[in-house]
C-alpha cells in the first residue's frame, strides 16, 4: 500500500513507520521537519503545516492516511478535506480521554465527553481538561468526512522507546537506582498502558485489512497491578529496589498533583480516574491486537533512556532530592 503518515518522526508516527517498512509499504511522511528530520532517509518526506500549509499534498494519491497528531477539529478538518479525494481510508489516532462518564465495561460504546461546538472550533491550546472533548470533535470530523472508511483508534497511555512524556520511562530508570522508591497509590492498584510498537503493528495490520469503526487499544490483556509492574522493572534492572507506597492525599499535601509523578499516581479512589486503568479492549484483541512481554517493554525503554544525555531534563517523575524529602516525611508518620 501507499501510506501517508501525518507526523512520523517522534513517537507514535515513528513506530508506525518502523512497523510498515518491513511489510513492504510505500511510505510518505508529511510534517514540518522540526523533529528528527534525519531519520528514515529512504522515506519520502513532504514538508508543510497541517494548519494552512497543505500544498505539498495537492495532486497526490495514497491508499490510506494515518493521522497521528490531530488535536483541534478546525485543523483536522483541513487535512481531511485536502485528502478527501486523495486517499480511500483515513485512520485517526485518538485517545481513551474521549470518554466522559465511565461505566463498566468501559468499552467503545461508553458516553463521550463533549464541549460546546463553537468552543471546540475556536480552541488553539490544550488546557482546562479540554483534551478529551477536542479529540471527540476531531473523531467526528474524520467519521463524517470519511463515512464508512475511517478507523478511530483509542489508545490509553502509550509507552516505550522514544516516549517524549517520561510517564513510564521514569520507573525503570528510577527503580534501576535502587533503594526505597516512592510509589503513589497501593500495591493492588491497577494500571494499563500499551507499548507503542504493539499499537503501531496492530494499526498497520488493521489498515491492511480495511478495518473501520472505533477500537480501544489499551493493555495488557490481563489485570496488571502496581506491584507486578514494580517487580518486573526490578527484575529487569537487577537492582534491589523497595517500593514505598504512599496515598495520593499525602502527595497533595506536598503540592504534587495526581498524574504529575507518573501515570501511577492516578487516584484509584475517584471513579473517573480509576476507569482509566480499566478500559476494555476486547474488540481490538479479538481483531489481532497482541502485547509483547512487560519485561521487554521495560527493558527496551530503559536501554533507550540510557542513551539520552546525562543532563536530560525529565518531564515526569520526582527529582532524587524531592523524593528523599517525601520519603523522610512519610517515615515520620509511620508507627
Protein backbone atom coordinates (compact mmCIF):
# COMPACT_ATOMS: atom_id res chain seq x y z
CA UNK A 1 0.00 0.00 0.00
CA UNK A 2 0.91 3.63 -0.40
CA UNK A 3 0.69 5.10 3.11
CA UNK A 4 0.70 8.75 4.11
CA UNK A 5 1.58 9.41 7.74
CA UNK A 6 0.93 12.85 9.20
CA UNK A 7 3.81 13.20 11.64
CA UNK A 8 6.08 10.17 11.65
CA UNK A 9 9.32 11.18 13.33
CA UNK A 10 8.72 11.49 17.08
CA UNK A 11 6.92 8.63 18.83
CA UNK A 12 3.72 7.02 17.54
CA UNK A 13 4.41 8.06 13.97
CA UNK A 14 7.96 6.79 14.22
CA UNK A 15 6.75 3.40 15.41
CA UNK A 16 4.21 3.27 12.58
CA UNK A 17 6.96 3.78 10.02
CA UNK A 18 9.06 1.07 11.65
CA UNK A 19 6.07 -1.30 11.58
CA UNK A 20 5.11 -0.54 7.99
CA UNK A 21 8.52 -0.63 6.30
CA UNK A 22 9.22 -4.37 6.81
CA UNK A 23 5.79 -5.14 5.36
CA UNK A 24 6.74 -3.53 2.07
CA UNK A 25 4.53 -0.47 2.18
CA UNK A 26 5.47 2.70 0.30
CA UNK A 27 5.53 5.44 2.93
CA UNK A 28 5.27 9.21 2.69
CA UNK A 29 5.64 11.47 5.74
CA UNK A 30 4.04 14.89 5.98
CA UNK A 31 5.31 17.19 8.72
CA UNK A 32 7.14 20.45 9.37
CA UNK A 33 10.55 18.81 9.56
CA UNK A 34 11.23 20.20 13.02
CA UNK A 35 11.77 16.89 14.86
CA UNK A 36 14.37 14.28 13.92
CA UNK A 37 14.48 15.24 10.23
CA UNK A 38 17.45 12.93 9.70
CA UNK A 39 15.65 9.67 10.45
CA UNK A 40 14.24 7.43 7.72
CA UNK A 41 16.45 8.78 4.91
CA UNK A 42 14.89 6.30 2.46
CA UNK A 43 11.33 7.51 3.16
CA UNK A 44 9.70 10.29 1.15
CA UNK A 45 9.15 13.44 3.20
CA UNK A 46 6.76 16.24 2.33
CA UNK A 47 7.16 19.49 4.25
CA UNK A 48 4.28 21.67 5.29
CA UNK A 49 1.96 22.63 8.12
CA UNK A 50 -1.37 20.92 8.65
CA UNK A 51 -2.77 24.29 9.75
CA UNK A 52 -2.86 26.21 6.48
CA UNK A 53 0.18 24.71 4.78
CA UNK A 54 -1.08 21.63 2.94
CA UNK A 55 0.07 22.49 -0.58
CA UNK A 56 2.57 19.62 -0.65
CA UNK A 57 -0.35 17.17 -0.56
CA UNK A 58 -2.06 18.57 -3.65
CA UNK A 59 -2.21 16.35 -6.71
CA UNK A 60 -1.06 13.21 -4.87
CA UNK A 61 -2.84 9.94 -4.07
CA UNK A 62 -2.38 7.30 -1.39
CA UNK A 63 -4.26 4.19 -0.36
CA UNK A 64 -4.53 5.29 3.26
CA UNK A 65 -3.52 8.05 5.64
CA UNK A 66 -2.69 7.81 9.36
CA UNK A 67 -3.22 10.98 11.37
CA UNK A 68 -1.05 10.67 14.48
CA UNK A 69 -1.27 14.16 15.92
CA UNK A 70 -4.69 15.75 15.42
CA UNK A 71 -5.99 17.64 18.44
CA UNK A 72 -8.06 20.54 17.09
CA UNK A 73 -11.13 19.90 14.89
CA UNK A 74 -10.54 23.03 12.82
CA UNK A 75 -7.06 21.78 11.90
CA UNK A 76 -8.07 18.15 11.37
CA UNK A 77 -10.83 19.29 9.04
CA UNK A 78 -8.23 20.90 6.78
CA UNK A 79 -6.29 17.68 6.27
CA UNK A 80 -9.46 15.62 5.96
CA UNK A 81 -10.82 17.82 3.21
CA UNK A 82 -7.48 18.13 1.45
CA UNK A 83 -7.26 14.33 1.33
CA UNK A 84 -10.91 13.51 0.67
CA UNK A 85 -10.19 12.63 -2.97
CA UNK A 86 -6.58 11.57 -2.42
CA UNK A 87 -6.98 8.60 -0.07
CA UNK A 88 -9.52 5.84 0.37
CA UNK A 89 -9.07 5.18 4.09
CA UNK A 90 -8.41 7.57 6.99
CA UNK A 91 -7.02 6.38 10.35
CA UNK A 92 -7.18 8.79 13.27
CA UNK A 93 -5.17 8.14 16.44
CA UNK A 94 -7.45 9.35 19.22
CA UNK A 95 -7.42 8.59 22.96
CA UNK A 96 -9.42 6.96 25.74
CA UNK A 97 -9.66 10.51 27.13
CA UNK A 98 -12.73 10.91 24.93
CA UNK A 99 -14.84 9.05 27.48
CA UNK A 100 -16.76 11.25 29.85
CA UNK A 101 -18.83 9.13 32.24
CA UNK A 102 -17.05 5.81 32.64
CA UNK A 103 -19.25 2.87 33.49
CA UNK A 104 -18.40 -0.79 33.17
CA UNK A 105 -17.41 -2.34 30.86
CA UNK A 106 -15.84 0.93 29.64
CA UNK A 107 -15.84 -0.26 26.06
CA UNK A 108 -16.19 1.61 22.76
CA UNK A 109 -19.85 2.38 23.47
CA UNK A 110 -19.11 4.49 26.53
CA UNK A 111 -20.52 8.04 26.65
CA UNK A 112 -18.22 10.70 25.24
CA UNK A 113 -17.14 13.94 26.86
CA UNK A 114 -18.11 16.99 24.84
CA UNK A 115 -17.79 20.75 24.92
CA UNK A 116 -19.70 23.41 23.04
CA UNK A 117 -19.07 23.14 19.29
CA UNK A 118 -18.04 26.78 18.99
CA UNK A 119 -15.57 26.35 21.84
CA UNK A 120 -14.09 23.28 20.16
CA UNK A 121 -13.74 25.12 16.86
CA UNK A 122 -12.03 28.09 18.47
CA UNK A 123 -9.58 26.07 20.58
CA UNK A 124 -5.88 26.56 19.88
CA UNK A 125 -4.36 25.11 23.04
CA UNK A 126 -4.86 22.09 25.30
CA UNK A 127 -5.91 23.39 28.69
CA UNK A 128 -8.51 23.07 31.39
CA UNK A 129 -9.38 19.45 30.65
CA UNK A 130 -10.38 20.06 27.04
CA UNK A 131 -8.11 17.38 25.54
CA UNK A 132 -10.74 14.62 25.58
CA UNK A 133 -13.60 16.73 24.21
CA UNK A 134 -11.36 18.09 21.45
CA UNK A 135 -10.42 14.55 20.45
CA UNK A 136 -14.13 13.72 20.32
CA UNK A 137 -14.70 16.62 17.95
CA UNK A 138 -11.76 15.51 15.79
CA UNK A 139 -13.13 11.97 15.62
CA UNK A 140 -16.44 13.30 14.40
CA UNK A 141 -14.78 15.37 11.68
CA UNK A 142 -12.99 12.28 10.37
CA UNK A 143 -16.01 9.99 10.64
CA UNK A 144 -18.30 12.48 8.89
CA UNK A 145 -15.96 13.23 6.01
CA UNK A 146 -14.83 9.62 5.51
CA UNK A 147 -18.16 7.93 6.20
CA UNK A 148 -17.63 4.18 6.29
CA UNK A 149 -13.92 4.47 5.50
CA UNK A 150 -12.42 5.71 8.75
CA UNK A 151 -10.68 3.88 11.57
CA UNK A 152 -10.68 5.56 15.00
CA UNK A 153 -8.00 4.17 17.34
CA UNK A 154 -8.31 4.97 21.06
CA UNK A 155 -5.17 4.03 23.00
CA UNK A 156 -4.56 4.71 26.64
CA UNK A 157 -1.13 5.64 27.94
CA UNK A 158 1.38 4.87 25.17
CA UNK A 159 4.83 3.81 26.39
CA UNK A 160 8.14 2.50 25.14
CA UNK A 161 11.33 3.76 23.49
CA UNK A 162 11.25 7.40 22.28
CA UNK A 163 8.34 8.34 24.56
CA UNK A 164 8.65 12.12 24.98
CA UNK A 165 6.47 12.26 28.11
CA UNK A 166 8.61 10.15 30.52
CA UNK A 167 5.46 8.99 32.32
CA UNK A 168 6.51 5.34 32.06
CA UNK A 169 10.22 5.81 31.36
CA UNK A 170 10.74 7.29 34.82
CA UNK A 171 10.00 3.99 36.51
CA UNK A 172 12.55 1.54 35.08
CA UNK A 173 15.15 4.31 35.37
CA UNK A 174 14.20 5.18 38.96
CA UNK A 175 13.92 1.57 40.08
CA UNK A 176 17.32 0.98 38.49
CA UNK A 177 18.82 3.39 41.03
CA UNK A 178 17.68 1.06 43.80
CA UNK A 179 16.76 1.77 47.40
CA UNK A 180 13.44 2.91 48.83
CA UNK A 181 11.28 4.10 45.95
CA UNK A 182 8.23 6.28 46.48
CA UNK A 183 5.23 4.90 44.61
CA UNK A 184 1.83 6.64 44.60
CA UNK A 185 -1.19 4.51 45.44
CA UNK A 186 -1.21 0.92 46.64
CA UNK A 187 0.36 -2.35 45.54
CA UNK A 188 -3.08 -3.63 44.49
CA UNK A 189 -3.84 -0.63 42.29
CA UNK A 190 -4.48 -1.38 38.64
CA UNK A 191 -2.58 0.11 35.74
CA UNK A 192 -2.90 -0.03 31.95
CA UNK A 193 -0.80 1.12 29.01
CA UNK A 194 0.29 -0.09 25.58
CA UNK A 195 3.73 -0.42 24.08
CA UNK A 196 3.93 1.95 21.12
CA UNK A 197 5.26 -0.86 18.94
CA UNK A 198 2.28 -3.09 19.70
CA UNK A 199 -0.06 -0.21 18.90
CA UNK A 200 1.73 0.53 15.63
CA UNK A 201 1.86 -3.06 14.46
CA UNK A 202 -1.83 -3.62 15.11
CA UNK A 203 -2.76 -0.35 13.41
CA UNK A 204 -0.86 -1.24 10.24
CA UNK A 205 -2.45 -4.69 10.11
CA UNK A 206 -5.90 -3.19 10.68
CA UNK A 207 -5.40 -0.80 7.78
CA UNK A 208 -4.22 -3.64 5.57
CA UNK A 209 -7.46 -5.48 6.34
CA UNK A 210 -9.55 -2.36 5.70
CA UNK A 211 -10.90 -2.16 9.23
CA UNK A 212 -13.22 0.72 10.06
CA UNK A 213 -15.04 1.95 13.14
CA UNK A 214 -13.79 2.55 16.68
CA UNK A 215 -11.33 0.41 18.64
CA UNK A 216 -9.98 0.81 22.17
CA UNK A 217 -6.32 -0.20 22.17
CA UNK A 218 -5.19 -0.27 25.78
CA UNK A 219 -3.38 -3.08 27.52
CA UNK A 220 -2.31 -5.51 28.67
CA UNK A 221 -4.83 -8.30 28.19
CA UNK A 222 -4.89 -9.16 31.91
CA UNK A 223 -5.32 -7.18 35.16
CA UNK A 224 -1.89 -5.66 35.87
CA UNK A 225 -1.17 -4.38 39.37
CA UNK A 226 1.28 -1.76 40.51
CA UNK A 227 3.23 -4.39 42.43
CA UNK A 228 3.66 -6.60 39.37
CA UNK A 229 4.84 -3.63 37.34
CA UNK A 230 7.33 -2.65 40.04
CA UNK A 231 8.61 -6.20 40.40
CA UNK A 232 9.06 -6.55 36.65
CA UNK A 233 11.07 -3.33 36.44
CA UNK A 234 13.13 -4.52 39.42
CA UNK A 235 13.86 -7.85 37.72
CA UNK A 236 14.89 -6.06 34.53
CA UNK A 237 17.25 -3.68 36.31
CA UNK A 238 18.64 -6.39 38.64
CA UNK A 239 18.85 -3.83 41.44
CA UNK A 240 17.50 -4.04 44.98
CA UNK A 241 14.69 -1.51 44.95
CA UNK A 242 11.95 -1.41 47.57
CA UNK A 243 8.55 0.20 46.91
CA UNK A 244 7.19 2.62 49.50
CA UNK A 245 3.52 3.15 48.71
CA UNK A 246 2.02 6.45 49.76
CA UNK A 247 -1.57 7.69 49.39
CA UNK A 248 -2.34 10.43 46.93
CA UNK A 249 -3.59 12.60 49.78
CA UNK A 250 -0.02 12.68 51.10
CA UNK A 251 1.27 13.80 47.72
CA UNK A 252 -1.36 16.52 47.58
CA UNK A 253 -0.08 17.88 50.88
CA UNK A 254 3.25 18.42 49.16
CA UNK A 255 1.66 20.06 46.12
CA UNK A 256 2.21 17.01 43.94
CA UNK A 257 -0.87 16.67 41.75
CA UNK A 258 -2.24 13.32 40.62
CA UNK A 259 -0.66 12.36 37.35
CA UNK A 260 2.44 14.57 37.65
CA UNK A 261 4.64 11.92 39.25
CA UNK A 262 3.62 9.48 36.56
CA UNK A 263 0.54 7.63 35.49
CA UNK A 264 0.96 5.53 38.63
CA UNK A 265 -0.30 8.44 40.69
CA UNK A 266 -3.77 8.45 39.15
CA UNK A 267 -6.00 8.01 42.22
CA UNK A 268 -7.93 4.76 42.35
CA UNK A 269 -10.45 6.32 44.71
CA UNK A 270 -12.02 8.56 42.08
CA UNK A 271 -14.22 6.73 39.59
CA UNK A 272 -13.42 8.96 36.64
CA UNK A 273 -9.71 8.20 37.13
CA UNK A 274 -10.00 4.59 38.22
CA UNK A 275 -11.62 3.68 34.94
CA UNK A 276 -8.60 4.97 33.01
CA UNK A 277 -6.86 1.76 34.08
CA UNK A 278 -9.84 -0.49 33.35
CA UNK A 279 -10.51 0.14 29.68
CA UNK A 280 -12.00 -2.77 27.75
CA UNK A 281 -10.00 -3.54 24.58
CA UNK A 282 -11.61 -6.91 23.82
CA UNK A 283 -12.72 -5.76 20.37
CA UNK A 284 -9.18 -4.98 19.24
CA UNK A 285 -7.81 -8.12 20.90
CA UNK A 286 -10.34 -10.21 19.01
CA UNK A 287 -9.13 -8.46 15.87
CA UNK A 288 -5.49 -9.33 16.39
CA UNK A 289 -4.09 -6.90 18.97
CA UNK A 290 -1.24 -8.61 20.83
CA UNK A 291 1.12 -7.49 23.57
CA UNK A 292 4.82 -8.13 24.00
CA UNK A 293 6.03 -9.20 27.47
CA UNK A 294 6.09 -6.43 30.06
CA UNK A 295 9.76 -7.14 30.76
CA UNK A 296 10.58 -6.44 27.12
CA UNK A 297 8.84 -3.06 27.23
CA UNK A 298 10.57 -2.11 30.48
CA UNK A 299 13.99 -3.35 29.32
CA UNK A 300 13.85 -1.67 25.91
CA UNK A 301 12.61 1.58 27.44
CA UNK A 302 15.45 1.55 29.97
CA UNK A 303 18.04 0.83 27.28
CA UNK A 304 16.78 3.73 25.19
CA UNK A 305 16.62 6.09 28.19
CA UNK A 306 20.25 5.32 28.97
CA UNK A 307 21.27 6.71 25.57
CA UNK A 308 19.99 10.19 26.44
CA UNK A 309 22.35 12.94 27.65
CA UNK A 310 23.27 12.92 31.33
CA UNK A 311 21.78 16.41 31.72
CA UNK A 312 18.45 15.42 30.15
CA UNK A 313 15.60 17.36 31.75
CA UNK A 314 12.88 14.94 32.83
CA UNK A 315 9.27 15.73 32.00
CA UNK A 316 7.73 13.45 34.64
CA UNK A 317 8.73 11.89 37.91
CA UNK A 318 10.47 13.18 41.01
CA UNK A 319 13.95 14.56 41.42
CA UNK A 320 16.08 12.45 43.80
CA UNK A 321 16.21 15.33 46.27
CA UNK A 322 12.45 15.87 46.35
CA UNK A 323 11.77 12.15 46.59
CA UNK A 324 14.14 11.88 49.55
CA UNK A 325 12.29 14.66 51.37
CA UNK A 326 8.96 12.98 50.71
CA UNK A 327 10.23 9.61 51.93
CA UNK A 328 11.64 11.18 55.09
CA UNK A 329 8.36 12.94 55.85
CA UNK A 330 6.37 9.78 55.20
CA UNK A 331 8.65 7.80 57.52
CA UNK A 332 7.93 10.15 60.41
CA UNK A 333 4.22 9.36 60.11
CA UNK A 334 4.58 5.61 60.44
CA UNK A 335 4.02 3.83 63.75
